């Protein structure tokens, strides 16, 4: 619903028509199997042609004149669309008006024929039907949907900025480290004596990397959970809202335990953990039970 409202709000801005009237026309288009994308592009193109005609562009004036629309008529985009629909219905011969439709709507005009051929009366009938069903999108809801989607975009961009803030300053450090390692590849003695230092460096990098990944993953899931909860509230699904919150908390606790366990293994790669498992190289693939004698 948020995406639909967002799209209607933006289309209203482009055409100057109200969200309510656009919502009704969208419903009529759906009954005629005309896609929202085709309708949006067609209305935007019609609005532009009407503007060109008002500004004295001869080609635009001639295209609209075929449908009885004169420059400066002060018709809204939807009113002009309805007038074109009446002319299509009255003419009946699609080939005869194809050139005019092409000049107004572009090459996709053929996709509009099923919507236009019933005239403005059929368009109005579909809109009235939607209104009786209570399905007309209000301008207030459309604007709220647009703002909601904009906030989600802002949160996503904030995540990208957070990555730059955390990872960016570490890149030069990693570059220096790899340069230092590359310069010591032929100096085995130096590399051997600095083994403990390198071990500490790699442990730090690994642990930092794991925890940074945890933060990004946790924030990403938090955003997803917020969106899911918002959607549940939009559908008055209070039980679902609570269930999502509980799942988010459980998931966060589990993820934190896994990260702590992994951090411990990175810091102590050869140390046996309390459950008896060995995370080092020793003993892998071996039978840890007492030797059997035949």
C-alpha atoms as a PDB file:
ATOM      1  CA  UNK A   1       0.000   0.000   0.000  1.00  0.00           C
ATOM      2  CA  UNK A   2       2.830   2.396   0.825  1.00  0.00           C
ATOM      3  CA  UNK A   3       4.345   1.990  -2.652  1.00  0.00           C
ATOM      4  CA  UNK A   4       0.964   2.542  -4.336  1.00  0.00           C
ATOM      5  CA  UNK A   5       0.326   5.674  -2.274  1.00  0.00           C
ATOM      6  CA  UNK A   6       3.832   6.944  -2.943  1.00  0.00           C
ATOM      7  CA  UNK A   7       3.385   6.470  -6.704  1.00  0.00           C
ATOM      8  CA  UNK A   8       0.024   8.279  -6.690  1.00  0.00           C
ATOM      9  CA  UNK A   9       1.439  11.191  -4.696  1.00  0.00           C
ATOM     10  CA  UNK A  10       4.270  11.626  -7.195  1.00  0.00           C
ATOM     11  CA  UNK A  11       1.930  11.277 -10.184  1.00  0.00           C
ATOM     12  CA  UNK A  12      -0.335  13.927  -8.637  1.00  0.00           C
ATOM     13  CA  UNK A  13       2.655  16.257  -8.436  1.00  0.00           C
ATOM     14  CA  UNK A  14       3.547  15.645 -12.088  1.00  0.00           C
ATOM     15  CA  UNK A  15       0.040  16.055 -13.530  1.00  0.00           C
ATOM     16  CA  UNK A  16      -1.660  18.437 -11.103  1.00  0.00           C
ATOM     17  CA  UNK A  17      -4.614  16.068 -10.666  1.00  0.00           C
ATOM     18  CA  UNK A  18      -5.825  15.005  -7.240  1.00  0.00           C
ATOM     19  CA  UNK A  19      -4.783  11.679  -5.757  1.00  0.00           C
ATOM     20  CA  UNK A  20      -8.454  10.731  -5.418  1.00  0.00           C
ATOM     21  CA  UNK A  21      -9.199  11.209  -9.146  1.00  0.00           C
ATOM     22  CA  UNK A  22      -5.998   9.443 -10.155  1.00  0.00           C
ATOM     23  CA  UNK A  23      -6.894   6.555  -7.856  1.00  0.00           C
ATOM     24  CA  UNK A  24     -10.250   6.182  -9.607  1.00  0.00           C
ATOM     25  CA  UNK A  25      -8.644   6.271 -13.049  1.00  0.00           C
ATOM     26  CA  UNK A  26      -6.137   3.642 -11.970  1.00  0.00           C
ATOM     27  CA  UNK A  27      -9.014   1.376 -11.002  1.00  0.00           C
ATOM     28  CA  UNK A  28     -10.654   1.890 -14.414  1.00  0.00           C
ATOM     29  CA  UNK A  29      -7.312   1.041 -16.014  1.00  0.00           C
ATOM     30  CA  UNK A  30      -7.031  -2.162 -14.000  1.00  0.00           C
ATOM     31  CA  UNK A  31     -10.483  -3.253 -15.256  1.00  0.00           C
ATOM     32  CA  UNK A  32      -9.268  -2.658 -18.830  1.00  0.00           C
ATOM     33  CA  UNK A  33      -6.013  -4.564 -18.190  1.00  0.00           C
ATOM     34  CA  UNK A  34      -4.000  -1.379 -18.694  1.00  0.00           C
ATOM     35  CA  UNK A  35      -0.979  -1.306 -16.406  1.00  0.00           C
ATOM     36  CA  UNK A  36      -0.334   1.469 -13.905  1.00  0.00           C
ATOM     37  CA  UNK A  37       3.017   2.070 -15.570  1.00  0.00           C
ATOM     38  CA  UNK A  38       1.372   2.655 -18.961  1.00  0.00           C
ATOM     39  CA  UNK A  39      -1.249   4.937 -17.424  1.00  0.00           C
ATOM     40  CA  UNK A  40       1.323   6.972 -15.502  1.00  0.00           C
ATOM     41  CA  UNK A  41       3.537   7.453 -18.558  1.00  0.00           C
ATOM     42  CA  UNK A  42       0.533   8.375 -20.719  1.00  0.00           C
ATOM     43  CA  UNK A  43      -0.826  10.970 -18.288  1.00  0.00           C
ATOM     44  CA  UNK A  44       2.644  12.477 -17.856  1.00  0.00           C
ATOM     45  CA  UNK A  45       3.064  12.692 -21.639  1.00  0.00           C
ATOM     46  CA  UNK A  46      -0.428  14.218 -22.059  1.00  0.00           C
ATOM     47  CA  UNK A  47       0.347  16.819 -19.399  1.00  0.00           C
ATOM     48  CA  UNK A  48       3.573  17.735 -21.198  1.00  0.00           C
ATOM     49  CA  UNK A  49       1.816  18.016 -24.596  1.00  0.00           C
ATOM     50  CA  UNK A  50      -0.856  20.254 -23.061  1.00  0.00           C
ATOM     51  CA  UNK A  51       1.874  22.475 -21.637  1.00  0.00           C
ATOM     52  CA  UNK A  52       3.591  22.657 -25.032  1.00  0.00           C
ATOM     53  CA  UNK A  53       0.293  23.568 -26.687  1.00  0.00           C
ATOM     54  CA  UNK A  54      -0.290  26.371 -24.178  1.00  0.00           C
ATOM     55  CA  UNK A  55       3.227  27.610 -24.929  1.00  0.00           C
ATOM     56  CA  UNK A  56       2.524  27.835 -28.646  1.00  0.00           C
ATOM     57  CA  UNK A  57       4.105  24.607 -29.954  1.00  0.00           C
ATOM     58  CA  UNK A  58       2.239  24.015 -33.213  1.00  0.00           C
ATOM     59  CA  UNK A  59       2.679  20.230 -33.321  1.00  0.00           C
ATOM     60  CA  UNK A  60       1.222  19.880 -29.817  1.00  0.00           C
ATOM     61  CA  UNK A  61      -1.695  22.185 -30.658  1.00  0.00           C
ATOM     62  CA  UNK A  62      -2.512  20.201 -33.798  1.00  0.00           C
ATOM     63  CA  UNK A  63      -2.345  16.871 -31.940  1.00  0.00           C
ATOM     64  CA  UNK A  64      -4.795  18.043 -29.277  1.00  0.00           C
ATOM     65  CA  UNK A  65      -7.065  19.783 -31.781  1.00  0.00           C
ATOM     66  CA  UNK A  66      -7.920  16.373 -33.263  1.00  0.00           C
ATOM     67  CA  UNK A  67      -9.645  15.619 -29.964  1.00  0.00           C
ATOM     68  CA  UNK A  68     -11.300  19.013 -29.603  1.00  0.00           C
ATOM     69  CA  UNK A  69      -8.845  20.305 -27.007  1.00  0.00           C
ATOM     70  CA  UNK A  70      -7.845  23.912 -27.586  1.00  0.00           C
ATOM     71  CA  UNK A  71      -4.837  25.756 -26.102  1.00  0.00           C
ATOM     72  CA  UNK A  72      -5.671  27.550 -22.879  1.00  0.00           C
ATOM     73  CA  UNK A  73      -8.755  25.397 -22.272  1.00  0.00           C
ATOM     74  CA  UNK A  74      -7.804  25.074 -18.593  1.00  0.00           C
ATOM     75  CA  UNK A  75      -8.728  21.390 -18.603  1.00  0.00           C
ATOM     76  CA  UNK A  76      -7.040  19.187 -16.023  1.00  0.00           C
ATOM     77  CA  UNK A  77      -4.992  16.286 -17.338  1.00  0.00           C
ATOM     78  CA  UNK A  78      -7.708  13.793 -16.395  1.00  0.00           C
ATOM     79  CA  UNK A  79     -10.431  15.964 -17.982  1.00  0.00           C
ATOM     80  CA  UNK A  80      -8.423  16.061 -21.201  1.00  0.00           C
ATOM     81  CA  UNK A  81      -7.960  12.282 -20.970  1.00  0.00           C
ATOM     82  CA  UNK A  82     -11.724  11.853 -20.600  1.00  0.00           C
ATOM     83  CA  UNK A  83     -12.357  14.072 -23.623  1.00  0.00           C
ATOM     84  CA  UNK A  84      -9.937  12.010 -25.690  1.00  0.00           C
ATOM     85  CA  UNK A  85     -11.778   8.879 -24.529  1.00  0.00           C
ATOM     86  CA  UNK A  86     -15.075  10.356 -25.749  1.00  0.00           C
ATOM     87  CA  UNK A  87     -13.554  11.090 -29.167  1.00  0.00           C
ATOM     88  CA  UNK A  88     -12.134   7.550 -29.410  1.00  0.00           C
ATOM     89  CA  UNK A  89     -15.563   6.090 -28.571  1.00  0.00           C
ATOM     90  CA  UNK A  90     -17.375   8.360 -31.028  1.00  0.00           C
ATOM     91  CA  UNK A  91     -14.950   7.710 -33.872  1.00  0.00           C
ATOM     92  CA  UNK A  92     -14.882   3.950 -33.535  1.00  0.00           C
ATOM     93  CA  UNK A  93     -12.224   3.695 -36.248  1.00  0.00           C
ATOM     94  CA  UNK A  94      -9.006   3.306 -34.283  1.00  0.00           C
ATOM     95  CA  UNK A  95      -6.832   3.546 -37.383  1.00  0.00           C
ATOM     96  CA  UNK A  96      -8.346   6.937 -38.191  1.00  0.00           C
ATOM     97  CA  UNK A  97      -7.264   8.474 -34.907  1.00  0.00           C
ATOM     98  CA  UNK A  98      -4.106   6.417 -34.397  1.00  0.00           C
ATOM     99  CA  UNK A  99      -1.867   9.232 -35.604  1.00  0.00           C
ATOM    100  CA  UNK A 100      -3.406  11.697 -33.140  1.00  0.00           C
ATOM    101  CA  UNK A 101      -3.136   9.227 -30.253  1.00  0.00           C
ATOM    102  CA  UNK A 102       0.493   8.566 -31.144  1.00  0.00           C
ATOM    103  CA  UNK A 103       1.276  12.294 -31.101  1.00  0.00           C
ATOM    104  CA  UNK A 104      -0.351  12.702 -27.689  1.00  0.00           C
ATOM    105  CA  UNK A 105       0.613   9.488 -25.893  1.00  0.00           C
ATOM    106  CA  UNK A 106       3.550   8.129 -27.849  1.00  0.00           C
ATOM    107  CA  UNK A 107       3.981   4.658 -29.307  1.00  0.00           C
ATOM    108  CA  UNK A 108       2.329   2.967 -26.319  1.00  0.00           C
ATOM    109  CA  UNK A 109      -1.073   4.485 -27.244  1.00  0.00           C
ATOM    110  CA  UNK A 110      -2.304   1.052 -28.382  1.00  0.00           C
ATOM    111  CA  UNK A 111      -2.206  -0.171 -24.778  1.00  0.00           C
ATOM    112  CA  UNK A 112      -4.658   2.588 -23.858  1.00  0.00           C
ATOM    113  CA  UNK A 113      -7.334   1.668 -26.424  1.00  0.00           C
ATOM    114  CA  UNK A 114      -9.177  -0.799 -24.114  1.00  0.00           C
ATOM    115  CA  UNK A 115      -9.341   1.963 -21.482  1.00  0.00           C
ATOM    116  CA  UNK A 116     -10.335   4.759 -23.880  1.00  0.00           C
ATOM    117  CA  UNK A 117     -12.888   2.989 -26.054  1.00  0.00           C
ATOM    118  CA  UNK A 118     -15.658   3.148 -23.423  1.00  0.00           C
ATOM    119  CA  UNK A 119     -15.534   6.925 -23.257  1.00  0.00           C
ATOM    120  CA  UNK A 120     -15.622   9.169 -20.191  1.00  0.00           C
ATOM    121  CA  UNK A 121     -18.887   7.633 -18.966  1.00  0.00           C
ATOM    122  CA  UNK A 122     -17.247   4.254 -18.486  1.00  0.00           C
ATOM    123  CA  UNK A 123     -14.269   5.862 -16.746  1.00  0.00           C
ATOM    124  CA  UNK A 124     -16.608   7.679 -14.380  1.00  0.00           C
ATOM    125  CA  UNK A 125     -18.619   4.502 -13.744  1.00  0.00           C
ATOM    126  CA  UNK A 126     -15.481   2.639 -12.682  1.00  0.00           C
ATOM    127  CA  UNK A 127     -14.485   5.504 -10.384  1.00  0.00           C
ATOM    128  CA  UNK A 128     -17.918   5.579  -8.773  1.00  0.00           C
ATOM    129  CA  UNK A 129     -17.723   1.827  -8.204  1.00  0.00           C
ATOM    130  CA  UNK A 130     -14.387   2.165  -6.438  1.00  0.00           C
ATOM    131  CA  UNK A 131     -15.784   4.952  -4.278  1.00  0.00           C
ATOM    132  CA  UNK A 132     -18.746   2.795  -3.232  1.00  0.00           C
ATOM    133  CA  UNK A 133     -16.315   0.061  -2.221  1.00  0.00           C
ATOM    134  CA  UNK A 134     -14.339   2.533  -0.117  1.00  0.00           C
ATOM    135  CA  UNK A 135     -11.177   1.904  -2.114  1.00  0.00           C
ATOM    136  CA  UNK A 136     -10.321   5.447  -3.201  1.00  0.00           C
ATOM    137  CA  UNK A 137      -6.856   6.501  -2.045  1.00  0.00           C
ATOM    138  CA  UNK A 138      -6.946   9.794  -0.160  1.00  0.00           C
ATOM    139  CA  UNK A 139      -4.406  12.525  -0.696  1.00  0.00           C
ATOM    140  CA  UNK A 140      -3.502  12.430   2.989  1.00  0.00           C
ATOM    141  CA  UNK A 141      -2.739   8.695   2.899  1.00  0.00           C
ATOM    142  CA  UNK A 142      -0.759   9.056  -0.324  1.00  0.00           C
ATOM    143  CA  UNK A 143       1.386  11.831   1.158  1.00  0.00           C
ATOM    144  CA  UNK A 144       1.966   9.788   4.309  1.00  0.00           C
ATOM    145  CA  UNK A 145       2.986   6.816   2.148  1.00  0.00           C
ATOM    146  CA  UNK A 146       5.403   9.020   0.215  1.00  0.00           C
ATOM    147  CA  UNK A 147       6.978  10.294   3.447  1.00  0.00           C
ATOM    148  CA  UNK A 148       7.189   6.754   4.845  1.00  0.00           C
ATOM    149  CA  UNK A 149       9.065   5.496   1.773  1.00  0.00           C
ATOM    150  CA  UNK A 150      11.321   8.554   1.881  1.00  0.00           C
ATOM    151  CA  UNK A 151      12.209   7.742   5.500  1.00  0.00           C
ATOM    152  CA  UNK A 152      13.073   4.159   4.547  1.00  0.00           C
ATOM    153  CA  UNK A 153      15.355   5.551   1.831  1.00  0.00           C
ATOM    154  CA  UNK A 154      16.977   7.841   4.385  1.00  0.00           C
ATOM    155  CA  UNK A 155      17.582   4.911   6.759  1.00  0.00           C
ATOM    156  CA  UNK A 156      19.198   2.908   3.958  1.00  0.00           C
ATOM    157  CA  UNK A 157      21.434   5.849   3.056  1.00  0.00           C
ATOM    158  CA  UNK A 158      22.355   6.240   6.725  1.00  0.00           C
ATOM    159  CA  UNK A 159      23.507   2.613   6.715  1.00  0.00           C
ATOM    160  CA  UNK A 160      25.744   3.351   3.738  1.00  0.00           C
ATOM    161  CA  UNK A 161      27.130   6.402   5.519  1.00  0.00           C
ATOM    162  CA  UNK A 162      27.762   4.327   8.647  1.00  0.00           C
ATOM    163  CA  UNK A 163      29.804   1.863   6.609  1.00  0.00           C
ATOM    164  CA  UNK A 164      31.922   4.707   5.252  1.00  0.00           C
ATOM    165  CA  UNK A 165      32.432   6.158   8.731  1.00  0.00           C
ATOM    166  CA  UNK A 166      33.537   2.838  10.254  1.00  0.00           C
ATOM    167  CA  UNK A 167      35.309   1.047   7.406  1.00  0.00           C
ATOM    168  CA  UNK A 168      36.749   4.080   5.607  1.00  0.00           C
ATOM    169  CA  UNK A 169      39.383   5.015   8.205  1.00  0.00           C
ATOM    170  CA  UNK A 170      40.512   1.364   8.435  1.00  0.00           C
ATOM    171  CA  UNK A 171      41.343   1.031   4.722  1.00  0.00           C
ATOM    172  CA  UNK A 172      44.655   2.964   4.933  1.00  0.00           C
ATOM    173  CA  UNK A 173      45.617   0.811   7.950  1.00  0.00           C
ATOM    174  CA  UNK A 174      44.910  -2.393   6.017  1.00  0.00           C
ATOM    175  CA  UNK A 175      46.909  -1.014   3.070  1.00  0.00           C
ATOM    176  CA  UNK A 176      49.918  -0.303   5.265  1.00  0.00           C
ATOM    177  CA  UNK A 177      49.676  -3.753   6.824  1.00  0.00           C
ATOM    178  CA  UNK A 178      49.545  -5.548   3.469  1.00  0.00           C
ATOM    179  CA  UNK A 179      52.449  -3.429   2.192  1.00  0.00           C
ATOM    180  CA  UNK A 180      54.493  -4.384   5.266  1.00  0.00           C
ATOM    181  CA  UNK A 181      53.686  -8.064   4.846  1.00  0.00           C
ATOM    182  CA  UNK A 182      54.574  -7.962   1.156  1.00  0.00           C
ATOM    183  CA  UNK A 183      57.954  -6.386   1.916  1.00  0.00           C
ATOM    184  CA  UNK A 184      58.857  -9.154   4.400  1.00  0.00           C
ATOM    185  CA  UNK A 185      57.949 -12.173   2.265  1.00  0.00           C
ATOM    186  CA  UNK A 186      61.623 -12.751   1.382  1.00  0.00           C
ATOM    187  CA  UNK A 187      62.893 -12.126   4.914  1.00  0.00           C
ATOM    188  CA  UNK A 188      61.940 -15.285   6.760  1.00  0.00           C
ATOM    189  CA  UNK A 189      63.959 -14.402   9.875  1.00  0.00           C
ATOM    190  CA  UNK A 190      62.225 -11.061  10.297  1.00  0.00           C
ATOM    191  CA  UNK A 191      58.839 -12.622   9.641  1.00  0.00           C
ATOM    192  CA  UNK A 192      59.522 -15.338  12.215  1.00  0.00           C
ATOM    193  CA  UNK A 193      60.604 -12.972  14.963  1.00  0.00           C
ATOM    194  CA  UNK A 194      57.556 -10.771  14.401  1.00  0.00           C
ATOM    195  CA  UNK A 195      55.143 -13.721  14.464  1.00  0.00           C
ATOM    196  CA  UNK A 196      53.546 -12.857  17.782  1.00  0.00           C
ATOM    197  CA  UNK A 197      53.027  -9.244  16.709  1.00  0.00           C
ATOM    198  CA  UNK A 198      51.411 -10.356  13.454  1.00  0.00           C
ATOM    199  CA  UNK A 199      49.216 -12.784  15.379  1.00  0.00           C
ATOM    200  CA  UNK A 200      47.982  -9.927  17.562  1.00  0.00           C
ATOM    201  CA  UNK A 201      47.332  -7.734  14.528  1.00  0.00           C
ATOM    202  CA  UNK A 202      45.370 -10.435  12.719  1.00  0.00           C
ATOM    203  CA  UNK A 203      43.390 -11.246  15.866  1.00  0.00           C
ATOM    204  CA  UNK A 204      42.454  -7.584  16.188  1.00  0.00           C
ATOM    205  CA  UNK A 205      41.448  -7.304  12.539  1.00  0.00           C
ATOM    206  CA  UNK A 206      39.390 -10.491  12.719  1.00  0.00           C
ATOM    207  CA  UNK A 207      37.599  -9.511  15.918  1.00  0.00           C
ATOM    208  CA  UNK A 208      36.927  -5.975  14.683  1.00  0.00           C
ATOM    209  CA  UNK A 209      35.652  -7.377  11.394  1.00  0.00           C
ATOM    210  CA  UNK A 210      33.302  -9.799  13.120  1.00  0.00           C
ATOM    211  CA  UNK A 211      31.862  -7.124  15.386  1.00  0.00           C
ATOM    212  CA  UNK A 212      31.503  -4.580  12.579  1.00  0.00           C
ATOM    213  CA  UNK A 213      29.653  -7.203  10.553  1.00  0.00           C
ATOM    214  CA  UNK A 214      27.443  -7.877  13.559  1.00  0.00           C
ATOM    215  CA  UNK A 215      26.582  -4.184  13.867  1.00  0.00           C
ATOM    216  CA  UNK A 216      25.698  -3.875  10.169  1.00  0.00           C
ATOM    217  CA  UNK A 217      23.669  -7.071  10.251  1.00  0.00           C
ATOM    218  CA  UNK A 218      21.857  -6.067  13.444  1.00  0.00           C
ATOM    219  CA  UNK A 219      21.003  -2.583  12.181  1.00  0.00           C
ATOM    220  CA  UNK A 220      19.823  -4.013   8.860  1.00  0.00           C
ATOM    221  CA  UNK A 221      17.540  -6.500  10.620  1.00  0.00           C
ATOM    222  CA  UNK A 222      16.312  -3.764  12.931  1.00  0.00           C
ATOM    223  CA  UNK A 223      15.296  -1.639   9.943  1.00  0.00           C
ATOM    224  CA  UNK A 224      13.595  -4.623   8.340  1.00  0.00           C
ATOM    225  CA  UNK A 225      11.764  -5.364  11.575  1.00  0.00           C
ATOM    226  CA  UNK A 226      10.587  -1.770  11.897  1.00  0.00           C
ATOM    227  CA  UNK A 227       9.239  -1.851   8.354  1.00  0.00           C
ATOM    228  CA  UNK A 228       7.481  -5.161   9.034  1.00  0.00           C
ATOM    229  CA  UNK A 229       5.955  -3.789  12.232  1.00  0.00           C
ATOM    230  CA  UNK A 230       4.810  -0.658  10.426  1.00  0.00           C
ATOM    231  CA  UNK A 231       3.152  -2.825   7.788  1.00  0.00           C
ATOM    232  CA  UNK A 232       1.454  -4.899  10.503  1.00  0.00           C
ATOM    233  CA  UNK A 233       0.099  -1.757  12.155  1.00  0.00           C
ATOM    234  CA  UNK A 234      -1.120  -0.477   8.791  1.00  0.00           C
ATOM    235  CA  UNK A 235      -3.248  -3.625   8.577  1.00  0.00           C
ATOM    236  CA  UNK A 236      -4.280  -3.372  12.265  1.00  0.00           C
ATOM    237  CA  UNK A 237      -2.468  -6.651  12.929  1.00  0.00           C
ATOM    238  CA  UNK A 238      -1.520  -6.009  16.562  1.00  0.00           C
ATOM    239  CA  UNK A 239      -0.756  -9.666  17.230  1.00  0.00           C
ATOM    240  CA  UNK A 240       1.654  -9.713  14.302  1.00  0.00           C
ATOM    241  CA  UNK A 241       3.238  -6.475  15.541  1.00  0.00           C
ATOM    242  CA  UNK A 242       4.000  -8.050  18.933  1.00  0.00           C
ATOM    243  CA  UNK A 243       5.242 -11.286  17.382  1.00  0.00           C
ATOM    244  CA  UNK A 244       7.677  -9.404  15.131  1.00  0.00           C
ATOM    245  CA  UNK A 245       9.048  -7.483  18.132  1.00  0.00           C
ATOM    246  CA  UNK A 246       9.571 -10.688  20.112  1.00  0.00           C
ATOM    247  CA  UNK A 247      11.289 -12.361  17.144  1.00  0.00           C
ATOM    248  CA  UNK A 248      13.599  -9.351  16.715  1.00  0.00           C
ATOM    249  CA  UNK A 249      14.670  -9.509  20.376  1.00  0.00           C
ATOM    250  CA  UNK A 250      15.246 -13.262  20.242  1.00  0.00           C
ATOM    251  CA  UNK A 251      17.206 -12.976  17.025  1.00  0.00           C
ATOM    252  CA  UNK A 252      19.387 -10.176  18.446  1.00  0.00           C
ATOM    253  CA  UNK A 253      20.245 -12.200  21.562  1.00  0.00           C
ATOM    254  CA  UNK A 254      21.108 -15.267  19.501  1.00  0.00           C
ATOM    255  CA  UNK A 255      23.266 -13.273  17.080  1.00  0.00           C
ATOM    256  CA  UNK A 256      25.171 -11.612  19.943  1.00  0.00           C
ATOM    257  CA  UNK A 257      25.953 -15.000  21.533  1.00  0.00           C
ATOM    258  CA  UNK A 258      27.186 -16.346  18.196  1.00  0.00           C
ATOM    259  CA  UNK A 259      29.438 -13.321  17.681  1.00  0.00           C
ATOM    260  CA  UNK A 260      30.867 -13.613  21.204  1.00  0.00           C
ATOM    261  CA  UNK A 261      31.578 -17.318  20.643  1.00  0.00           C
ATOM    262  CA  UNK A 262      33.262 -16.621  17.311  1.00  0.00           C
ATOM    263  CA  UNK A 263      35.325 -13.796  18.837  1.00  0.00           C
ATOM    264  CA  UNK A 264      36.525 -16.184  21.559  1.00  0.00           C
ATOM    265  CA  UNK A 265      37.527 -18.794  18.965  1.00  0.00           C
ATOM    266  CA  UNK A 266      39.420 -16.176  16.948  1.00  0.00           C
ATOM    267  CA  UNK A 267      41.352 -15.099  20.040  1.00  0.00           C
ATOM    268  CA  UNK A 268      42.016 -18.676  21.176  1.00  0.00           C
ATOM    269  CA  UNK A 269      42.181 -20.763  17.988  1.00  0.00           C
ATOM    270  CA  UNK A 270      43.953 -23.737  19.620  1.00  0.00           C
ATOM    271  CA  UNK A 271      42.214 -23.783  22.966  1.00  0.00           C
ATOM    272  CA  UNK A 272      39.616 -26.418  23.719  1.00  0.00           C
ATOM    273  CA  UNK A 273      36.272 -24.957  24.696  1.00  0.00           C
ATOM    274  CA  UNK A 274      34.326 -26.116  27.700  1.00  0.00           C
ATOM    275  CA  UNK A 275      32.240 -28.620  25.769  1.00  0.00           C
ATOM    276  CA  UNK A 276      35.334 -30.586  24.813  1.00  0.00           C
ATOM    277  CA  UNK A 277      35.374 -29.607  21.127  1.00  0.00           C
ATOM    278  CA  UNK A 278      38.718 -28.600  19.620  1.00  0.00           C
ATOM    279  CA  UNK A 279      38.696 -25.627  17.270  1.00  0.00           C
ATOM    280  CA  UNK A 280      42.401 -25.796  16.484  1.00  0.00           C
ATOM    281  CA  UNK A 281      44.150 -27.835  13.830  1.00  0.00           C
ATOM    282  CA  UNK A 282      45.128 -30.590  16.249  1.00  0.00           C
ATOM    283  CA  UNK A 283      42.860 -33.550  16.445  1.00  0.00           C
ATOM    284  CA  UNK A 284      40.692 -32.668  13.434  1.00  0.00           C
ATOM    285  CA  UNK A 285      39.441 -35.747  11.712  1.00  0.00           C
ATOM    286  CA  UNK A 286      40.851 -37.991  14.429  1.00  0.00           C
ATOM    287  CA  UNK A 287      39.017 -40.372  16.723  1.00  0.00           C
ATOM    288  CA  UNK A 288      39.260 -38.869  20.218  1.00  0.00           C
ATOM    289  CA  UNK A 289      38.144 -42.088  21.900  1.00  0.00           C
ATOM    290  CA  UNK A 290      40.728 -44.347  23.630  1.00  0.00           C
ATOM    291  CA  UNK A 291      42.745 -46.550  21.300  1.00  0.00           C
ATOM    292  CA  UNK A 292      41.217 -49.922  20.640  1.00  0.00           C
ATOM    293  CA  UNK A 293      43.319 -53.056  20.615  1.00  0.00           C
ATOM    294  CA  UNK A 294      42.452 -56.069  18.633  1.00  0.00           C
END
